[in-house]
Protein backbone atom coordinates (compact mmCIF):
# COMPACT_ATOMS: atom_id res chain seq x y z
CA MET A 1 -13.23 21.15 52.44
CA THR A 2 -15.84 20.44 49.86
CA PRO A 3 -16.36 17.10 49.85
CA ALA A 4 -16.05 15.01 46.80
CA ILE A 5 -19.19 13.30 45.25
CA LEU A 6 -19.07 10.30 43.87
CA SER A 7 -21.81 9.41 41.13
CA ASN A 8 -24.50 6.83 41.30
CA ARG A 9 -22.90 4.42 38.53
CA ASP A 10 -19.29 4.74 40.67
CA ALA A 11 -20.78 4.12 43.70
CA ARG A 12 -22.93 0.86 42.19
CA ARG A 13 -19.35 -0.15 40.72
CA ILE A 14 -17.57 0.11 44.05
CA PHE A 15 -20.32 -1.90 45.83
CA LEU A 16 -20.96 -4.40 43.60
CA ASP A 17 -17.13 -5.44 43.54
CA ARG A 18 -17.14 -5.03 47.25
CA HIS A 19 -19.91 -7.80 47.06
CA HIS A 20 -18.20 -10.24 44.29
CA LEU A 21 -21.52 -9.20 42.44
CA SER A 22 -19.56 -7.26 39.61
CA GLU A 23 -17.12 -10.23 38.50
CA THR A 24 -18.41 -13.26 36.29
CA PRO A 25 -19.92 -15.93 38.49
CA GLN A 26 -17.18 -18.85 37.80
CA GLY A 27 -14.84 -20.40 40.07
CA PRO A 28 -13.58 -23.07 42.63
CA ALA A 29 -16.56 -23.46 45.04
CA SER A 30 -15.50 -25.89 47.81
CA GLY A 31 -12.79 -25.85 50.32
CA SER A 32 -10.41 -23.27 50.77
CA GLU A 33 -11.30 -21.56 48.10
CA LEU A 34 -14.90 -20.99 49.73
CA LEU A 35 -13.71 -20.32 52.71
CA SER A 36 -11.56 -17.25 51.22
CA LEU A 37 -15.35 -16.07 49.64
CA ILE A 38 -16.53 -16.32 52.60
CA LYS A 39 -14.04 -14.20 54.55
CA SER A 40 -13.91 -11.74 51.87
CA LEU A 41 -18.17 -11.55 52.45
CA GLY A 42 -17.73 -11.22 56.23
CA PHE A 43 -19.92 -14.17 56.81
CA VAL A 44 -23.12 -15.65 55.37
CA GLN A 45 -26.48 -15.42 56.50
CA LEU A 46 -28.54 -18.56 57.30
CA ASP A 47 -32.04 -19.02 56.78
CA SER A 48 -34.40 -22.26 56.92
CA ILE A 49 -36.64 -21.07 53.92
CA ASN A 50 -36.15 -23.45 50.76
CA THR A 51 -38.68 -22.57 48.22
CA VAL A 52 -35.75 -22.62 45.87
CA ALA A 53 -32.79 -22.82 47.65
CA ARG A 54 -31.93 -21.89 51.26
CA ALA A 55 -30.76 -18.53 51.70
CA HIS A 56 -26.99 -19.47 52.52
CA ASP A 57 -26.75 -21.55 49.39
CA LEU A 58 -28.20 -18.91 47.04
CA ILE A 59 -25.79 -16.52 48.18
CA LEU A 60 -22.76 -18.52 47.56
CA PHE A 61 -24.46 -20.22 44.37
CA SER A 62 -25.10 -16.69 42.82
CA ARG A 63 -21.09 -15.76 42.93
CA ARG A 64 -19.89 -19.55 42.69
CA PRO A 65 -22.36 -21.55 40.45
CA ARG A 66 -19.93 -24.62 40.90
CA TYR A 67 -20.95 -24.26 44.57
CA ARG A 68 -23.31 -27.01 46.25
CA PRO A 69 -24.58 -27.39 49.70
CA LYS A 70 -22.10 -30.12 50.72
CA ALA A 71 -19.18 -27.65 50.31
CA LEU A 72 -20.37 -25.30 53.14
CA LYS A 73 -21.50 -28.37 55.21
CA THR A 74 -17.83 -29.46 55.16
CA LEU A 75 -15.97 -26.63 56.28
CA TYR A 76 -18.48 -25.88 58.75
CA GLU A 77 -19.17 -29.30 60.92
CA ARG A 78 -15.97 -31.48 59.51
CA ASP A 79 -13.29 -29.04 58.60
CA GLY A 80 -14.40 -26.29 61.93
CA THR A 81 -13.19 -23.37 59.72
CA LEU A 82 -16.73 -21.56 60.33
CA PHE A 83 -18.74 -20.70 63.36
CA GLU A 84 -22.15 -19.81 63.95
CA HIS A 85 -23.19 -16.90 66.00
CA TRP A 86 -25.51 -13.42 65.15
CA THR A 87 -24.31 -10.43 62.95
CA HIS A 88 -27.67 -8.90 62.17
CA ASP A 89 -29.05 -12.62 62.06
CA ALA A 90 -27.66 -16.03 62.77
CA ALA A 91 -24.88 -16.60 60.04
CA VAL A 92 -21.86 -18.58 59.48
CA ILE A 93 -18.79 -16.52 60.08
CA PRO A 94 -15.04 -17.52 59.56
CA LEU A 95 -13.45 -19.25 62.53
CA ALA A 96 -10.43 -16.59 62.34
CA PHE A 97 -13.03 -14.13 63.28
CA TYR A 98 -13.83 -15.63 66.28
CA PRO A 99 -12.29 -13.58 68.85
CA ASN A 100 -13.95 -10.54 67.62
CA TRP A 101 -17.16 -11.90 69.03
CA HIS A 102 -16.20 -11.65 72.64
CA LEU A 103 -17.87 -8.32 72.94
CA ARG A 104 -21.03 -9.60 71.40
CA ARG A 105 -21.06 -12.79 73.80
CA GLN A 106 -20.44 -10.30 77.00
CA ARG A 107 -23.01 -7.69 75.82
CA ASP A 108 -25.51 -10.96 74.68
CA ALA A 109 -24.90 -12.42 78.19
CA GLU A 110 -26.50 -9.13 79.82
CA ARG A 111 -29.10 -8.07 77.03
CA LEU A 112 -30.47 -11.24 76.56
CA LYS A 113 -31.26 -12.24 80.04
CA ALA A 114 -32.87 -9.23 80.84
CA ARG A 115 -35.10 -9.35 77.78
CA TRP A 116 -35.80 -13.25 77.81
CA GLN A 117 -36.97 -13.06 81.23
CA HIS A 118 -39.52 -10.68 80.23
CA ASP A 119 -40.74 -12.45 76.95
CA ARG A 120 -40.16 -15.86 77.35
CA ARG A 121 -41.19 -18.57 79.42
CA ALA A 122 -40.13 -18.76 83.21
CA GLY A 123 -37.21 -20.87 84.72
CA PHE A 124 -34.68 -20.96 81.64
CA GLU A 125 -31.77 -19.83 84.11
CA ALA A 126 -32.53 -22.61 86.51
CA GLN A 127 -31.90 -25.14 83.38
CA PHE A 128 -28.26 -23.96 82.70
CA GLN A 129 -26.39 -26.32 84.97
CA THR A 130 -28.46 -28.65 83.94
CA ILE A 131 -27.67 -28.72 80.14
CA LEU A 132 -24.05 -28.29 80.16
CA ASP A 133 -24.38 -31.05 82.85
CA GLN A 134 -26.06 -33.04 80.42
CA ILE A 135 -23.84 -32.14 77.35
CA ARG A 136 -20.90 -32.94 79.00
CA GLU A 137 -22.06 -36.28 80.11
CA TYR A 138 -23.71 -37.74 76.85
CA GLY A 139 -22.36 -35.03 73.83
CA PRO A 140 -24.19 -33.09 71.86
CA VAL A 141 -27.41 -31.89 71.90
CA SER A 142 -30.21 -30.43 70.03
CA SER A 143 -33.65 -28.61 71.56
CA SER A 144 -35.41 -31.53 71.30
CA ASP A 145 -32.58 -33.62 73.46
CA VAL A 146 -33.53 -31.38 76.48
CA GLY A 147 -36.43 -30.29 78.90
CA LYS A 148 -37.81 -33.61 78.87
CA GLY A 149 -40.94 -33.16 80.42
CA GLU A 150 -41.28 -29.37 79.69
CA ALA A 151 -44.36 -28.29 78.02
CA ARG A 152 -43.72 -27.08 74.30
CA GLY A 153 -45.14 -23.88 73.16
CA SER A 154 -47.64 -23.63 69.85
CA GLY A 155 -47.11 -19.69 70.22
CA GLY A 156 -44.83 -19.45 67.47
CA TRP A 157 -41.21 -19.41 66.29
CA TRP A 158 -40.03 -17.85 70.08
CA ASP A 159 -42.63 -19.54 72.20
CA TRP A 160 -39.74 -21.73 73.64
CA HIS A 161 -39.70 -24.13 76.49
CA PRO A 162 -37.38 -23.07 79.12
CA SER A 163 -34.73 -25.92 77.89
CA LYS A 164 -34.45 -24.42 74.16
CA THR A 165 -34.14 -20.69 76.06
CA ALA A 166 -31.36 -21.94 77.68
CA LEU A 167 -29.61 -23.78 74.80
CA GLU A 168 -29.87 -20.42 73.23
CA TYR A 169 -28.55 -18.53 75.77
CA LEU A 170 -25.30 -20.41 76.43
CA TRP A 171 -24.53 -20.68 72.73
CA ARG A 172 -25.45 -16.74 72.37
CA SER A 173 -22.90 -15.66 75.25
CA GLY A 174 -20.15 -18.59 75.04
CA ALA A 175 -20.45 -21.41 77.19
CA LEU A 176 -22.02 -23.48 73.89
CA CYS A 177 -20.91 -23.57 70.25
CA VAL A 178 -23.42 -24.93 67.64
CA VAL A 179 -21.48 -27.67 66.03
CA GLY A 180 -23.86 -28.44 63.21
CA ARG A 181 -27.29 -28.60 61.93
CA GLU A 182 -29.57 -31.94 61.37
CA GLY A 183 -32.06 -31.00 58.99
CA PHE A 184 -32.42 -27.25 59.67
CA GLN A 185 -31.92 -27.97 63.95
CA LYS A 186 -28.86 -27.17 65.68
CA ARG A 187 -26.65 -29.30 68.09
CA TYR A 188 -24.55 -27.62 70.66
CA ASP A 189 -21.53 -28.68 72.07
CA LEU A 190 -19.32 -26.89 75.08
CA THR A 191 -17.29 -24.57 74.04
CA GLU A 192 -14.24 -25.78 75.42
CA ARG A 193 -14.33 -29.18 73.77
CA VAL A 194 -14.98 -27.36 70.35
CA LEU A 195 -12.34 -24.75 70.05
CA GLU A 196 -8.88 -24.24 71.11
CA ALA A 197 -7.33 -22.86 74.19
CA ARG A 198 -6.24 -19.89 72.38
CA LEU A 199 -9.45 -18.59 70.85
CA ARG A 200 -11.02 -19.05 74.02
CA ASP A 201 -9.09 -17.21 76.46
CA SER A 202 -10.68 -14.07 76.65
CA SER A 203 -7.59 -12.74 78.57
CA GLN A 204 -6.27 -12.44 74.92
CA ALA A 205 -9.62 -11.11 73.23
CA PRO A 206 -9.86 -7.88 71.89
CA ASP A 207 -10.70 -5.39 74.36
CA VAL A 208 -13.91 -2.48 73.73
CA GLU A 209 -11.78 -0.22 71.63
CA GLN A 210 -10.27 -3.25 69.86
CA THR A 211 -13.26 -4.38 68.61
CA ILE A 212 -14.79 -1.14 67.33
CA ASN A 213 -12.08 -0.39 65.38
CA TRP A 214 -12.44 -4.05 63.87
CA CYS A 215 -15.89 -4.06 63.25
CA CYS A 216 -15.86 -0.32 61.56
CA ASP A 217 -12.55 -0.75 59.33
CA GLN A 218 -14.11 -4.29 58.28
CA ALA A 219 -17.45 -3.02 57.49
CA LEU A 220 -15.91 -0.32 55.41
CA ALA A 221 -13.47 -2.75 53.36
CA ARG A 222 -16.95 -4.50 52.00
CA LEU A 223 -19.08 -1.48 51.75
CA GLY A 224 -16.98 0.89 50.28
CA PHE A 225 -18.43 3.89 51.25
CA ALA A 226 -20.92 4.20 54.74
CA THR A 227 -22.50 6.06 57.14
CA HIS A 228 -21.62 5.30 61.02
CA GLY A 229 -25.02 3.64 61.10
CA GLU A 230 -24.00 1.50 58.29
CA LEU A 231 -20.75 0.50 60.13
CA ALA A 232 -22.57 -0.05 63.24
CA ALA A 233 -25.52 -2.51 61.63
CA PHE A 234 -22.69 -4.49 59.74
CA TRP A 235 -21.83 -6.57 61.94
CA ALA A 236 -24.51 -5.46 64.86
CA HIS A 237 -21.55 -5.92 67.81
CA ILE A 238 -21.51 -2.36 68.60
CA THR A 239 -23.71 1.00 68.76
CA PRO A 240 -23.86 3.65 66.11
CA ALA A 241 -22.47 6.14 68.44
CA GLU A 242 -19.27 3.80 69.24
CA ALA A 243 -19.30 3.87 65.35
CA ARG A 244 -19.46 7.52 65.08
CA ASP A 245 -16.94 8.19 67.30
CA TRP A 246 -14.68 5.97 65.26
CA CYS A 247 -15.09 7.72 62.00
CA GLU A 248 -14.55 11.00 63.91
CA ALA A 249 -11.52 10.17 65.24
CA GLU A 250 -10.31 8.27 61.97
CA LYS A 251 -11.55 11.46 60.02
CA ARG A 252 -9.36 13.65 62.77
CA ALA A 253 -6.35 11.27 61.74
CA GLY A 254 -6.57 11.69 58.01
CA ARG A 255 -7.76 7.99 57.50
CA LEU A 256 -11.20 8.81 56.59
CA GLU A 257 -13.11 11.36 54.40
CA GLN A 258 -16.52 12.06 53.77
CA ILE A 259 -17.87 11.83 50.43
CA MET A 260 -21.22 12.73 48.71
CA ILE A 261 -22.76 9.76 47.35
CA THR A 262 -25.41 10.00 44.36
CA GLY A 263 -28.40 7.94 44.82
CA ALA A 264 -30.55 6.42 42.07
CA ASP A 265 -32.88 9.23 42.44
CA GLY A 266 -29.65 11.73 41.71
CA ARG A 267 -30.10 12.83 45.62
CA MET A 268 -26.83 13.13 47.65
CA LYS A 269 -25.90 11.20 50.96
CA ILE A 270 -22.89 11.90 52.78
CA SER A 271 -20.88 9.01 53.68
CA TYR A 272 -16.97 7.86 55.09
CA ALA A 273 -14.58 6.48 53.03
CA ARG A 274 -11.02 5.92 52.88
CA PRO A 275 -8.93 8.52 51.03
CA GLY A 276 -8.98 7.92 47.12
CA ILE A 277 -12.26 5.71 46.97
CA ASP A 278 -13.17 8.40 43.91
CA GLU A 279 -10.14 6.54 42.22
CA ASP A 280 -10.83 3.04 43.29
CA PRO A 281 -9.90 0.51 40.86
CA ALA A 282 -13.47 -0.92 40.56
CA ILE A 283 -14.94 2.39 38.82
CA GLU A 284 -13.03 1.40 35.70
CA VAL A 285 -14.74 -2.15 35.19
CA ALA A 286 -18.10 -2.23 33.76
CA PRO A 287 -20.04 -5.23 35.73
CA THR A 288 -20.77 -8.35 34.30
CA ASN A 289 -23.56 -8.44 31.87
CA ARG A 290 -24.44 -12.07 33.29
CA LEU A 291 -28.21 -12.31 34.58
CA ARG A 292 -28.30 -13.63 38.22
CA VAL A 293 -30.96 -14.44 40.77
CA LEU A 294 -30.49 -13.32 44.20
CA SER A 295 -31.34 -14.15 47.81
CA PRO A 296 -33.43 -12.18 49.48
CA PHE A 297 -30.94 -12.07 52.31
CA ASP A 298 -28.09 -11.48 49.58
CA PRO A 299 -25.57 -9.61 51.45
CA ALA A 300 -25.91 -6.47 48.69
CA LEU A 301 -29.61 -6.64 49.79
CA ARG A 302 -29.23 -7.32 53.55
CA ASP A 303 -29.48 -3.11 54.43
CA ARG A 304 -33.02 -2.54 52.36
CA LYS A 305 -32.44 1.52 52.69
CA ARG A 306 -29.22 1.21 51.31
CA ALA A 307 -30.13 -1.00 48.45
CA GLU A 308 -33.29 1.20 47.39
CA ARG A 309 -30.72 4.45 47.48
CA LEU A 310 -28.24 2.92 45.33
CA PHE A 311 -30.51 0.96 43.19
CA GLY A 312 -33.65 2.41 43.32
CA PHE A 313 -34.89 -0.96 44.41
CA ASN A 314 -37.70 -0.98 46.99
CA TYR A 315 -37.71 -4.42 48.34
CA ARG A 316 -39.58 -5.94 51.46
CA VAL A 317 -39.72 -9.58 51.99
CA GLU A 318 -43.39 -10.70 52.45
CA MET A 319 -43.44 -13.79 53.93
CA PHE A 320 -44.97 -12.78 56.95
CA VAL A 321 -47.44 -10.43 54.94
CA PRO A 322 -51.14 -12.05 55.13
CA ALA A 323 -51.00 -13.16 51.61
CA PRO A 324 -54.44 -11.02 50.55
CA GLN A 325 -51.88 -7.62 51.58
CA ARG A 326 -48.85 -9.07 49.95
CA THR A 327 -47.91 -6.86 46.88
CA PHE A 328 -45.83 -9.52 45.35
CA GLY A 329 -45.25 -13.20 47.02
CA TYR A 330 -43.93 -15.39 49.63
CA TYR A 331 -40.06 -15.32 48.70
CA VAL A 332 -39.57 -13.11 45.58
CA PHE A 333 -36.15 -13.25 44.57
CA PRO A 334 -34.18 -9.91 43.36
CA ILE A 335 -32.37 -9.89 39.69
CA LEU A 336 -29.29 -8.30 39.23
CA GLN A 337 -27.46 -7.28 35.70
CA GLY A 338 -24.97 -5.33 35.31
CA ASP A 339 -25.17 -3.01 38.10
CA ARG A 340 -28.95 -2.47 38.28
CA LEU A 341 -31.35 -4.61 39.59
CA ILE A 342 -33.81 -5.42 37.00
CA ALA A 343 -36.91 -7.31 37.99
CA ARG A 344 -38.06 -9.51 40.76
CA VAL A 345 -39.53 -13.28 40.50
CA ASP A 346 -41.91 -15.49 42.43
CA MET A 347 -40.64 -18.76 41.83
CA LYS A 348 -40.91 -22.36 43.58
CA ALA A 349 -39.15 -25.93 43.21
CA PHE A 350 -41.92 -28.49 43.53
CA ARG A 351 -39.26 -31.66 44.29
CA ASP A 352 -42.66 -33.89 44.09
CA ALA A 353 -42.99 -32.75 40.26
CA ASP A 354 -39.27 -32.47 39.64
CA THR A 355 -39.78 -28.89 38.57
CA LEU A 356 -38.65 -25.50 39.17
CA ARG A 357 -42.08 -23.15 38.47
CA VAL A 358 -41.97 -19.35 37.85
CA LYS A 359 -45.00 -18.03 39.00
CA ALA A 360 -44.28 -14.28 38.06
CA LEU A 361 -42.02 -11.65 37.45
CA TRP A 362 -42.40 -8.02 37.47
CA PRO A 363 -39.77 -6.14 35.76
CA GLU A 364 -38.58 -2.88 37.50
CA PRO A 365 -40.13 0.22 35.99
CA LYS A 366 -37.97 1.38 32.41
CA VAL A 367 -36.68 -1.92 32.40
CA ARG A 368 -37.85 -3.82 29.09
CA TRP A 369 -38.32 -7.13 29.07
CA SER A 370 -36.67 -8.30 25.82
CA ASN A 371 -36.10 -11.81 24.11
CA ALA A 372 -32.05 -11.14 25.61
CA LYS A 373 -33.44 -10.76 29.03
CA GLN A 374 -35.56 -13.93 28.29
CA ARG A 375 -32.89 -15.56 27.08
CA ALA A 376 -30.15 -14.66 29.77
CA PHE A 377 -33.21 -15.21 32.55
CA GLU A 378 -33.96 -18.98 31.23
CA ALA A 379 -30.19 -19.60 31.17
CA GLU A 380 -29.89 -18.52 34.95
CA LEU A 381 -32.92 -20.72 35.61
CA GLY A 382 -30.81 -23.57 34.19
CA ARG A 383 -28.60 -23.09 36.61
CA LEU A 384 -30.56 -23.06 39.33
CA THR A 385 -32.17 -26.01 38.78
CA HIS A 386 -28.98 -27.85 39.69
CA LEU A 387 -29.32 -26.18 43.29
CA ALA A 388 -32.81 -26.71 43.30
CA GLY A 389 -32.52 -30.22 42.99
CA VAL A 390 -34.98 -30.71 39.85
CA ASN A 391 -34.21 -31.22 36.24
CA GLU A 392 -37.41 -29.30 34.65
CA LEU A 393 -38.41 -25.43 34.46
CA ALA A 394 -42.20 -24.54 33.70
CA PHE A 395 -43.84 -21.03 33.26
CA ASP A 396 -47.21 -20.46 34.77
CA ASP A 397 -49.57 -18.64 32.27
CA GLY A 398 -49.22 -15.30 32.94
CA TRP A 399 -46.62 -14.87 34.61
CA LEU A 400 -44.61 -11.78 33.00
CA ARG A 401 -46.36 -9.01 34.85
CA ASP A 402 -46.50 -5.11 34.43
CA PRO A 403 -43.39 -3.21 35.55
CA ALA A 404 -43.62 -3.30 39.70
């Protein structure tokens, strides 16, 4: 049977719909409504860089402009309806999903111990019991509270002292939970004091087969269509081989079909989707024309290759690239309008000067930066100043550059 073909326009509409980027950004942005949005997205990646706003805050703001960072902190630290762990990176995740991280914690326990014995400072395993005893007696700790007397490194982000490595290992493998952050420094507590017994009970946790099914099914629900590799990468719990086997089994059962996805360049890529994806209601709904600035770590952009195939948008973060070798800038934000990524902007909030300053903007090829786009851009920046904590907006000389 010849696979159905999904046009590039239709594929974009489905993808943006699943990521809440098709609808007009509006609505409540705290409490149960915010939690519902995070559940629908699956998780929100955490990041410390705050040139305009931290990634997790901008991800939520771009979908709910009434959002303010205190709302996420309340869900996470006061209400306990979110937990922190890893997907492809550190993220906050709905607590209802916690049992589905059992396999991840098991695999991290094996993988990290083997890896960190080679590329972390020696002695972290000897600190496990000391740290657990300290937390049990004195309460939650941060990395600065443990390992007194241990030499602190200066070799970069991963040059941890042994007790810091021990904290991270105990968290990733499940003995500890992160219960919040001070600034951006994690605070850890005993899992037995944080979570109720039913969530901690490993005998009730999904087994490997159930976890694979959950990971693939839930990833597909959020992607609309995907290769087996994209399904595996969404939560980053399972292997591409496990996802491939799941896809083949679902296809044999008639619950999955192969479909050809048309890329921005006209080339086709075969993917998997639930039957009837070519009649998905999102296809009939044009995305809002509201211009919005996205985080570099937005869920819709996390998979750079997928974003490039669908939108023709070649995007890489350059904060780790030496300044003279950067094509654009240290922290450049993609700009979405309708179903197109139309530009990227280098900007920064100078809070001591109460100003959001646009350093440079590069339209995408074939995008004309019209007066209408400029007005829409300035309107979005006006909204962003509230999130950035400034009041003024400024543009550097020569800020509008030639197309990227």
